[in-house]
Structures are given as structure tokens and as C-alpha cells.
N, C-alpha and C. Protein backbone atom coordinates (compact mmCIF):
# COMPACT_ATOMS: atom_id res chain seq x y z
N MET A 1 27.25 -7.69 -0.44
CA MET A 1 26.45 -7.81 0.79
C MET A 1 25.09 -7.37 -0.13
N ILE A 2 24.45 -6.49 -0.82
CA ILE A 2 23.61 -5.38 -1.06
C ILE A 2 22.86 -6.93 -1.35
N ALA A 3 22.94 -7.74 -2.80
CA ALA A 3 22.66 -9.18 -2.72
C ALA A 3 21.82 -10.12 -1.69
N ASP A 4 22.76 -9.96 -0.67
CA ASP A 4 21.89 -10.31 0.16
C ASP A 4 21.14 -9.87 1.53
N LEU A 5 21.78 -8.61 1.39
CA LEU A 5 20.86 -7.71 1.42
C LEU A 5 19.15 -7.55 1.16
N SER A 6 19.00 -7.81 -0.07
CA SER A 6 17.46 -7.98 -0.40
C SER A 6 17.06 -8.88 -0.92
N LYS A 7 17.62 -9.68 -0.76
CA LYS A 7 17.25 -11.64 -0.18
C LYS A 7 16.65 -11.16 0.99
N ARG A 8 17.10 -11.39 1.65
CA ARG A 8 16.78 -11.46 3.32
C ARG A 8 15.30 -10.47 3.73
N LEU A 9 15.83 -9.23 3.03
CA LEU A 9 14.27 -8.35 3.34
C LEU A 9 13.59 -8.68 2.55
N ILE A 10 13.68 -9.05 1.03
CA ILE A 10 12.86 -8.97 -0.15
C ILE A 10 12.87 -10.48 -0.43
N PRO A 11 12.11 -12.17 0.10
CA PRO A 11 12.93 -13.18 -0.19
C PRO A 11 12.13 -13.67 -1.87
N ASP A 12 12.68 -14.31 -2.72
CA ASP A 12 12.19 -14.25 -3.47
C ASP A 12 10.42 -14.81 -3.82
N GLU A 13 9.80 -15.41 -2.14
CA GLU A 13 9.04 -15.56 -2.95
C GLU A 13 8.11 -14.45 -3.07
N LEU A 14 8.68 -13.32 -2.84
CA LEU A 14 8.28 -11.84 -2.42
C LEU A 14 8.85 -11.02 -4.04
N TRP A 15 9.74 -11.88 -4.75
CA TRP A 15 9.90 -10.93 -5.57
C TRP A 15 9.98 -11.56 -7.28
N GLU A 16 9.46 -12.44 -6.66
CA GLU A 16 8.85 -13.17 -8.31
C GLU A 16 7.71 -12.31 -8.27
N PRO A 17 6.42 -11.96 -7.48
CA PRO A 17 5.19 -12.05 -8.25
C PRO A 17 5.56 -10.19 -8.14
N ALA A 18 6.29 -9.71 -7.87
CA ALA A 18 6.24 -8.48 -7.96
C ALA A 18 6.82 -7.78 -9.29
N ALA A 19 8.19 -8.46 -9.34
CA ALA A 19 9.15 -7.95 -10.49
C ALA A 19 8.39 -7.71 -11.63
N PRO A 20 7.26 -8.37 -12.15
CA PRO A 20 6.93 -7.86 -13.82
C PRO A 20 6.07 -7.02 -13.75
N PHE A 21 5.63 -5.95 -12.07
CA PHE A 21 4.51 -5.01 -12.62
C PHE A 21 5.80 -3.85 -12.11
N LEU A 22 6.99 -3.97 -12.02
CA LEU A 22 7.49 -2.65 -11.68
C LEU A 22 8.32 -3.01 -13.49
N PRO A 23 8.03 -1.84 -13.95
CA PRO A 23 8.58 -1.13 -15.27
C PRO A 23 9.82 -1.28 -15.13
N SER A 24 9.90 -1.77 -16.16
CA SER A 24 11.71 -1.85 -16.58
C SER A 24 12.32 -0.63 -17.24
N PHE A 25 13.44 -0.08 -17.37
CA PHE A 25 13.98 0.72 -17.69
C PHE A 25 14.72 1.04 -19.00
N ALA A 26 14.02 1.97 -19.38
CA ALA A 26 13.60 2.96 -20.86
C ALA A 26 14.98 3.11 -21.38
N ALA A 27 15.61 3.07 -21.97
CA ALA A 27 17.02 4.40 -22.60
C ALA A 27 16.04 5.34 -22.95
N ARG A 28 16.44 6.66 -23.08
CA ARG A 28 15.80 8.37 -23.92
C ARG A 28 16.52 7.33 -24.45
N PRO A 29 15.88 7.88 -26.67
CA PRO A 29 16.84 7.91 -27.78
C PRO A 29 18.34 9.39 -27.74
N GLN A 30 18.07 10.07 -26.91
CA GLN A 30 18.62 11.01 -27.67
C GLN A 30 19.63 11.11 -26.16
N GLY A 31 19.76 9.73 -25.79
CA GLY A 31 21.09 9.68 -24.67
C GLY A 31 20.90 9.78 -23.25
N GLY A 32 21.51 10.43 -22.09
CA GLY A 32 21.15 11.04 -20.69
C GLY A 32 19.74 10.28 -19.82
N GLY A 33 19.43 11.47 -19.04
CA GLY A 33 18.33 10.29 -18.87
C GLY A 33 18.91 9.76 -17.07
N THR A 34 17.73 8.76 -16.88
CA THR A 34 18.21 8.06 -15.42
C THR A 34 18.88 6.68 -15.85
N ALA A 35 19.98 6.37 -15.09
CA ALA A 35 20.84 5.11 -15.62
C ALA A 35 20.50 3.93 -14.70
N PRO A 36 20.17 3.42 -15.51
CA PRO A 36 20.20 1.90 -15.22
C PRO A 36 19.70 1.35 -14.10
N CYS A 37 19.36 1.31 -12.89
CA CYS A 37 19.77 0.21 -11.28
C CYS A 37 19.26 -1.17 -11.39
N ASP A 38 19.80 -1.17 -10.53
CA ASP A 38 19.13 -3.10 -9.86
C ASP A 38 17.91 -3.03 -9.08
N GLU A 39 17.01 -3.34 -10.01
CA GLU A 39 15.99 -2.44 -9.75
C GLU A 39 15.52 -3.30 -8.51
N ARG A 40 15.72 -4.71 -7.71
CA ARG A 40 15.37 -5.57 -6.74
C ARG A 40 16.03 -4.96 -5.41
N ALA A 41 17.23 -4.06 -5.31
CA ALA A 41 17.47 -3.29 -4.26
C ALA A 41 17.04 -2.57 -4.54
N VAL A 42 16.50 -1.19 -5.53
CA VAL A 42 15.55 0.13 -4.98
C VAL A 42 14.14 -0.88 -4.98
N PHE A 43 13.20 -1.76 -4.73
CA PHE A 43 12.44 -2.54 -4.32
C PHE A 43 12.67 -2.63 -2.56
N THR A 44 13.74 -3.63 -2.76
CA THR A 44 14.26 -3.38 -1.53
C THR A 44 14.02 -2.20 -0.60
N ALA A 45 15.12 -1.56 -0.93
CA ALA A 45 14.90 0.05 -0.25
C ALA A 45 13.97 0.56 -0.22
N VAL A 46 12.92 0.85 -1.41
CA VAL A 46 11.69 1.00 -0.91
C VAL A 46 10.52 0.22 0.00
N VAL A 47 10.90 -1.03 0.84
CA VAL A 47 9.58 -1.08 1.12
C VAL A 47 10.53 -1.25 2.31
N TYR A 48 11.97 -0.78 2.55
CA TYR A 48 12.30 -1.03 3.80
C TYR A 48 11.53 0.50 4.19
N ALA A 49 12.23 1.51 3.92
CA ALA A 49 11.23 3.07 4.20
C ALA A 49 9.81 2.60 4.46
N LEU A 50 9.37 2.19 3.78
CA LEU A 50 7.92 2.14 4.19
C LEU A 50 6.93 1.50 5.35
N THR A 51 8.26 0.52 5.49
CA THR A 51 7.91 -0.45 6.71
C THR A 51 8.71 -0.03 7.90
N SER A 52 9.52 0.64 7.70
CA SER A 52 10.43 1.09 9.30
C SER A 52 9.52 2.22 9.11
N GLY A 53 9.44 2.88 8.45
CA GLY A 53 8.74 4.60 8.83
C GLY A 53 10.23 5.34 8.86
N CYS A 54 11.08 4.99 7.85
CA CYS A 54 12.40 5.78 7.66
C CYS A 54 12.14 6.83 6.86
N ALA A 55 12.50 7.96 7.31
CA ALA A 55 13.03 9.30 5.97
C ALA A 55 13.73 9.10 5.23
N TRP A 56 13.07 9.22 3.98
CA TRP A 56 13.96 9.14 2.57
C TRP A 56 15.22 9.30 2.69
N ARG A 57 15.87 10.55 3.89
CA ARG A 57 16.90 10.74 3.85
C ARG A 57 17.71 10.37 4.60
N HIS A 58 17.63 9.05 5.55
CA HIS A 58 17.74 9.02 6.16
C HIS A 58 18.36 6.72 5.83
N LEU A 59 18.09 7.22 4.68
CA LEU A 59 17.68 5.41 4.06
C LEU A 59 19.08 5.06 4.37
N PRO A 60 19.94 4.37 4.92
CA PRO A 60 21.19 2.73 4.40
C PRO A 60 22.21 3.10 3.46
N THR A 61 23.12 3.12 3.20
CA THR A 61 23.84 3.34 2.13
C THR A 61 23.73 1.84 1.99
N THR A 62 23.28 0.64 2.43
CA THR A 62 23.83 -0.45 2.57
C THR A 62 23.06 -1.48 1.26
N PHE A 63 21.90 -0.59 1.49
CA PHE A 63 20.94 -0.77 -0.18
C PHE A 63 21.71 -0.53 -1.42
N GLY A 64 22.60 -0.22 -1.34
CA GLY A 64 23.54 0.01 -2.74
C GLY A 64 22.68 1.09 -3.66
N THR A 65 21.59 1.99 -3.41
CA THR A 65 21.38 3.12 -3.68
C THR A 65 21.19 4.38 -3.04
N SER A 66 21.35 4.92 -3.38
CA SER A 66 20.27 6.63 -3.15
C SER A 66 18.96 6.19 -2.52
N PRO A 67 18.90 8.20 -1.56
CA PRO A 67 17.39 8.02 -1.50
C PRO A 67 16.74 9.19 -2.56
N ALA A 68 17.34 9.62 -3.56
CA ALA A 68 16.99 9.63 -4.17
C ALA A 68 16.56 8.93 -5.34
N THR A 69 17.53 8.15 -5.52
CA THR A 69 17.32 6.89 -6.40
C THR A 69 15.86 5.64 -6.16
N ALA A 70 16.05 5.57 -4.19
CA ALA A 70 15.07 4.80 -4.38
C ALA A 70 13.74 6.06 -4.61
N HIS A 71 13.54 7.42 -4.39
CA HIS A 71 11.86 8.52 -4.32
C HIS A 71 11.71 8.49 -5.23
N ARG A 72 12.67 8.47 -6.12
CA ARG A 72 12.24 8.48 -7.49
C ARG A 72 10.92 7.71 -8.07
N PRO A 73 11.34 5.92 -8.33
CA PRO A 73 10.71 4.97 -8.73
C PRO A 73 9.73 5.07 -8.16
N PHE A 74 9.22 5.15 -6.55
CA PHE A 74 8.30 5.40 -5.25
C PHE A 74 7.12 5.63 -5.94
N THR A 75 7.70 6.55 -6.23
CA THR A 75 7.13 8.04 -6.40
C THR A 75 5.78 7.69 -8.44
N VAL A 76 6.52 7.57 -8.95
CA VAL A 76 6.23 6.78 -10.19
C VAL A 76 5.53 5.93 -10.03
N TRP A 77 5.70 4.81 -9.34
CA TRP A 77 4.77 3.40 -9.09
C TRP A 77 4.10 4.01 -8.50
N THR A 78 3.53 4.58 -7.08
CA THR A 78 2.69 5.68 -5.99
C THR A 78 1.36 5.63 -7.40
N GLU A 79 2.40 6.62 -8.38
CA GLU A 79 0.85 7.03 -9.40
C GLU A 79 0.36 6.17 -11.04
N ALA A 80 1.60 5.22 -10.84
CA ALA A 80 0.92 4.30 -11.35
C ALA A 80 -0.38 3.66 -10.93
N GLY A 81 -0.40 3.42 -9.96
CA GLY A 81 -0.96 2.92 -8.95
C GLY A 81 -0.91 1.71 -8.98
N LEU A 82 0.78 1.36 -8.53
CA LEU A 82 1.28 -0.19 -8.37
C LEU A 82 1.61 -1.33 -7.23
N ARG A 83 1.03 -0.05 -6.15
CA ARG A 83 1.05 -1.16 -4.74
C ARG A 83 -0.87 -1.44 -4.72
N ARG A 84 -1.42 -0.89 -5.16
CA ARG A 84 -3.15 -1.62 -4.89
C ARG A 84 -3.15 -2.79 -6.13
N ARG A 85 -2.39 -2.60 -7.08
CA ARG A 85 -2.14 -3.67 -8.33
C ARG A 85 -1.21 -4.81 -7.91
N LEU A 86 -0.28 -4.72 -7.03
CA LEU A 86 0.73 -5.35 -6.54
C LEU A 86 -0.14 -6.41 -5.05
N GLN A 87 -0.50 -5.61 -4.79
CA GLN A 87 -1.43 -5.96 -3.02
C GLN A 87 -2.34 -6.75 -3.52
N ARG A 88 -3.50 -6.73 -4.62
CA ARG A 88 -4.10 -7.62 -4.89
C ARG A 88 -3.64 -8.89 -5.73
N ALA A 89 -2.32 -8.50 -7.21
CA ALA A 89 -1.80 -9.80 -6.68
C ALA A 89 -1.43 -10.71 -5.62
N VAL A 90 -1.13 -10.55 -5.02
CA VAL A 90 -0.30 -11.02 -4.14
C VAL A 90 -1.37 -11.71 -3.35
N LEU A 91 -2.42 -10.96 -2.81
CA LEU A 91 -3.44 -11.51 -2.12
C LEU A 91 -4.63 -12.60 -2.62
N ASP A 92 -4.32 -11.99 -4.96
CA ASP A 92 -5.26 -12.94 -5.22
C ASP A 92 -4.38 -14.47 -5.02
N GLU A 93 -3.26 -14.05 -4.77
CA GLU A 93 -2.05 -15.66 -5.00
C GLU A 93 -1.94 -16.30 -3.85
N LEU A 94 -2.78 -15.58 -2.86
CA LEU A 94 -2.11 -16.60 -1.93
C LEU A 94 -4.00 -17.10 -0.97
N GLY A 95 -4.76 -16.96 -1.68
CA GLY A 95 -6.31 -16.18 -1.66
C GLY A 95 -6.23 -18.49 -2.39
N ALA A 96 -6.19 -17.90 -3.40
CA ALA A 96 -5.70 -18.69 -4.51
C ALA A 96 -5.17 -20.73 -4.13
N ARG A 97 -3.59 -20.09 -3.27
CA ARG A 97 -3.57 -20.94 -2.39
C ARG A 97 -3.66 -21.97 -1.02
N GLY A 98 -5.28 -20.56 -0.76
CA GLY A 98 -5.22 -21.21 0.82
C GLY A 98 -5.16 -21.10 1.78
N GLU A 99 -4.41 -20.05 1.39
CA GLU A 99 -3.31 -18.79 2.34
C GLU A 99 -3.87 -18.05 3.00
N VAL A 100 -4.92 -17.76 2.86
CA VAL A 100 -6.26 -16.93 3.20
C VAL A 100 -6.86 -17.07 4.16
N ASP A 101 -7.22 -16.22 5.04
CA ASP A 101 -8.94 -16.87 5.71
C ASP A 101 -9.76 -15.40 5.37
N TRP A 102 -10.43 -15.76 4.28
CA TRP A 102 -11.19 -14.57 4.23
C TRP A 102 -12.19 -14.62 5.06
N THR A 103 -11.72 -14.82 5.22
CA THR A 103 -13.94 -15.14 6.66
C THR A 103 -13.71 -13.84 7.37
N SER A 104 -12.60 -13.36 7.84
CA SER A 104 -12.74 -12.09 9.00
C SER A 104 -11.99 -11.17 7.96
N ALA A 105 -12.63 -9.67 8.47
CA ALA A 105 -10.86 -8.68 8.51
C ALA A 105 -10.81 -7.52 9.02
N ILE A 106 -9.99 -6.34 9.26
CA ILE A 106 -9.54 -5.85 10.29
C ILE A 106 -9.86 -4.10 9.00
N VAL A 107 -10.67 -3.50 9.69
CA VAL A 107 -10.85 -2.05 8.60
C VAL A 107 -9.59 -1.53 9.64
N ASP A 108 -9.18 -0.53 9.29
CA ASP A 108 -8.42 0.75 9.72
C ASP A 108 -9.33 1.90 9.69
N ALA A 109 -9.29 2.88 11.15
CA ALA A 109 -10.30 3.93 11.05
C ALA A 109 -9.50 4.99 11.73
N ALA A 110 -10.45 5.92 11.91
CA ALA A 110 -9.64 7.27 12.94
C ALA A 110 -10.76 7.60 13.49
N SER A 111 -11.05 8.90 14.38
CA SER A 111 -12.26 9.19 14.37
C SER A 111 -11.46 10.92 15.11
N VAL A 112 -12.57 11.57 14.35
CA VAL A 112 -12.19 13.11 14.39
C VAL A 112 -13.64 13.55 14.83
N ARG A 113 -13.23 14.55 15.84
CA ARG A 113 -14.45 14.74 16.76
C ARG A 113 -14.73 15.87 15.83
N ALA A 114 -16.28 16.25 15.69
CA ALA A 114 -16.92 16.91 14.79
C ALA A 114 -16.72 18.52 15.64
N LYS A 115 -17.04 19.52 14.51
CA LYS A 115 -17.03 20.56 15.10
C LYS A 115 -18.49 21.19 16.02
N ARG A 116 -19.12 21.61 16.02
CA ARG A 116 -20.26 22.12 16.83
C ARG A 116 -21.24 23.49 16.28
N GLY A 117 -22.37 23.66 15.69
CA GLY A 117 -22.74 24.62 14.81
C GLY A 117 -22.25 24.72 13.63
N ASP A 118 -20.98 24.89 12.55
CA ASP A 118 -20.94 24.33 11.67
C ASP A 118 -20.49 23.47 10.51
N ARG A 119 -21.45 23.48 9.78
CA ARG A 119 -22.03 22.39 8.73
C ARG A 119 -21.42 22.89 7.33
């Protein structure tokens, strides 16, 4: 069931370019530490949390990973700049296939009212 959910939310076309960017589990020589887990299930849970707006503590158990087990790699990946590198790789691949229209772009912006008098 978990494998089906992972394949449905993260199809092979997304998983294959993403997998090489994820750091692999490294056992500590003295033992202990974080146990290895299904990387695809964790990646799926992270993508779900980010795209749905779900709070980490409310992450459904159907992903086969606890909220802490999903959040821990997310923070490591964020600090390592994984999201930026993964986005670049996917966009480069789509661009090489001619599946991205590079003639236009959308920029997200916010307006904030300036305070008067203070500079």
C-alpha cells in the first residue's frame, strides 16, 4: 500500500531524476543513530507536506514514516540546498526535451506598505 501511494504521488518520472540528489544512509561506525528507511516514502511524505500545506505533526501515517522521520531529512536537504539543485536539474531536463516554454516567466512578489518618516 505504501509503495502504491509513493508511486502515485511521486511517479517514476519524478523519482528517477530526484533519487541521485538524495544523500544515502551512512551507518555510524560506533553503531546507533538513525535507522535507514525507505527514501522514496520519506521523499513522498516531504513533497506531500510541502504541496498540501499539511503541518508536519499531522502527516498521515499512510506514508509509512513518522512526522519526525520525514522532517529530519527535509531540514538536512534544505540546508544542503537540495531543493534548488533538484529544481534546476528537473528544469534543465524538461528544457532539453523542449517541454518548457522559456519565453515567459512568472515572478511572485509581495507589497509591503512603507512606514512614513523612518528611513
